[in-house]
Amino acid sequence: MAQQVIKRLIDDLDGDEAEETVSFAIDGVTYEIDLSADNARILRDRLSPFVQSARRSGGVRQPGGRAVASRRRSADIRAWAKASGIEVSERGRIPATIVEEYQRAH
């Protein structure tokens, strides 16, 4: 039996048909949004002055180090967990279940 799968992008802003998925990052968080050609152009036009004045970071992490935002987020999650009566270690990886609970709470 033959099967045809059609993937159709819908513009996340206005619900019309989208032509592309645009990726961008701010404050250490990467986002994706499906946009029509017009909305993608508007996004790029509005970001253009910031992009032109910014330094390119390349997105490659230096070996052995974590980003300050990542450490700060981990500290926030640990503080929230303790205040919520959830046991969490002072160091090491925070269990995914605790991170998920934190995200739901915020």
Protein backbone atom coordinates (compact mmCIF):
# COMPACT_ATOMS: atom_id res chain seq x y z
CA MET A 1 0.00 0.00 0.00
CA ALA A 2 1.38 3.41 -0.95
CA GLN A 3 1.27 6.24 1.53
CA GLN A 4 1.92 9.93 1.07
CA VAL A 5 2.69 12.17 4.03
CA ILE A 6 2.35 15.90 3.55
CA LYS A 7 3.98 18.23 6.03
CA ARG A 8 2.34 21.64 6.09
CA LEU A 9 3.76 24.52 8.11
CA ILE A 10 1.33 26.91 9.75
CA ASP A 11 2.46 30.42 10.69
CA ASP A 12 2.62 30.55 14.49
CA LEU A 13 1.61 34.23 14.50
CA ASP A 14 -1.39 34.44 12.21
CA GLY A 15 -2.37 30.87 11.34
CA ASP A 16 -1.74 31.27 7.60
CA GLU A 17 0.52 28.95 5.64
CA ALA A 18 4.18 29.23 6.63
CA GLU A 19 7.17 28.88 4.32
CA GLU A 20 9.97 28.35 6.84
CA THR A 21 11.00 27.62 10.38
CA VAL A 22 13.11 30.44 11.82
CA SER A 23 15.51 29.77 14.70
CA PHE A 24 16.77 32.47 17.03
CA ALA A 25 18.26 32.70 20.49
CA ILE A 26 18.13 35.24 23.30
CA ASP A 27 19.32 35.05 26.89
CA GLY A 28 20.77 31.61 26.32
CA VAL A 29 17.49 30.09 25.11
CA THR A 30 17.01 28.95 21.50
CA TYR A 31 13.58 29.27 19.93
CA GLU A 32 11.98 28.10 16.68
CA ILE A 33 8.94 29.61 15.03
CA ASP A 34 7.15 28.73 11.79
CA LEU A 35 6.55 31.85 9.72
CA SER A 36 5.27 33.00 6.36
CA ALA A 37 7.77 34.78 4.12
CA ASP A 38 6.30 38.16 5.13
CA ASN A 39 6.47 37.47 8.87
CA ALA A 40 10.00 36.04 8.57
CA ARG A 41 11.06 39.22 6.76
CA ILE A 42 9.45 41.38 9.48
CA LEU A 43 11.25 39.44 12.22
CA ARG A 44 14.59 39.75 10.45
CA ASP A 45 14.03 43.46 9.71
CA ARG A 46 13.20 44.22 13.34
CA LEU A 47 16.19 42.24 14.64
CA SER A 48 18.56 43.67 12.04
CA PRO A 49 19.80 46.71 14.07
CA PHE A 50 20.60 44.43 17.01
CA VAL A 51 22.28 41.79 14.84
CA GLN A 52 24.40 44.42 13.08
CA SER A 53 25.64 45.81 16.41
CA ALA A 54 26.16 42.45 18.11
CA ARG A 55 29.19 40.19 18.34
CA ARG A 56 28.86 36.71 16.95
CA SER A 57 29.42 34.14 19.66
CA GLY A 58 29.48 31.12 17.38
CA GLY A 59 27.55 28.94 19.78
CA VAL A 60 30.55 26.72 20.57
CA ARG A 61 31.11 26.16 24.29
CA GLN A 62 34.58 26.29 25.70
CA PRO A 63 35.73 22.92 27.08
CA GLY A 64 35.25 22.40 30.80
CA GLY A 65 32.98 25.35 31.41
CA ARG A 66 29.29 26.01 31.78
CA ALA A 67 27.52 29.19 30.82
CA VAL A 68 26.73 31.63 33.64
CA ALA A 69 23.04 31.51 32.68
CA SER A 70 23.04 27.72 33.02
CA ARG A 71 24.60 27.87 36.50
CA ARG A 72 22.17 30.60 37.53
CA ARG A 73 19.20 28.55 36.27
CA SER A 74 20.41 25.49 38.19
CA ALA A 75 20.72 27.60 41.34
CA ASP A 76 17.18 28.93 40.82
CA ILE A 77 15.81 25.40 40.36
CA ARG A 78 17.61 24.16 43.51
CA ALA A 79 16.31 27.11 45.56
CA TRP A 80 12.76 26.54 44.30
CA ALA A 81 12.97 22.81 45.03
CA LYS A 82 14.18 23.37 48.59
CA ALA A 83 11.47 25.98 49.22
CA SER A 84 8.92 23.48 47.87
CA GLY A 85 10.15 20.72 50.16
CA ILE A 86 11.74 18.72 47.35
CA GLU A 87 15.08 17.11 48.19
CA VAL A 88 17.79 17.99 45.70
CA SER A 89 21.59 17.66 45.90
CA GLU A 90 23.81 20.71 46.20
CA ARG A 91 25.93 19.63 43.24
CA GLY A 92 25.66 17.58 40.08
CA ARG A 93 22.90 17.09 37.59
CA ILE A 94 19.37 18.02 38.70
CA PRO A 95 16.93 15.16 37.98
CA ALA A 96 14.72 15.79 34.94
CA THR A 97 11.57 15.30 37.02
CA ILE A 98 12.54 18.23 39.26
CA VAL A 99 13.38 20.42 36.24
CA GLU A 100 9.98 19.56 34.71
CA GLU A 101 8.17 20.42 37.97
CA TYR A 102 10.06 23.73 38.10
CA GLN A 103 9.08 24.53 34.49
CA ARG A 104 5.41 23.75 35.20
CA ALA A 105 5.51 25.98 38.28
CA HIS A 106 6.99 28.87 36.33
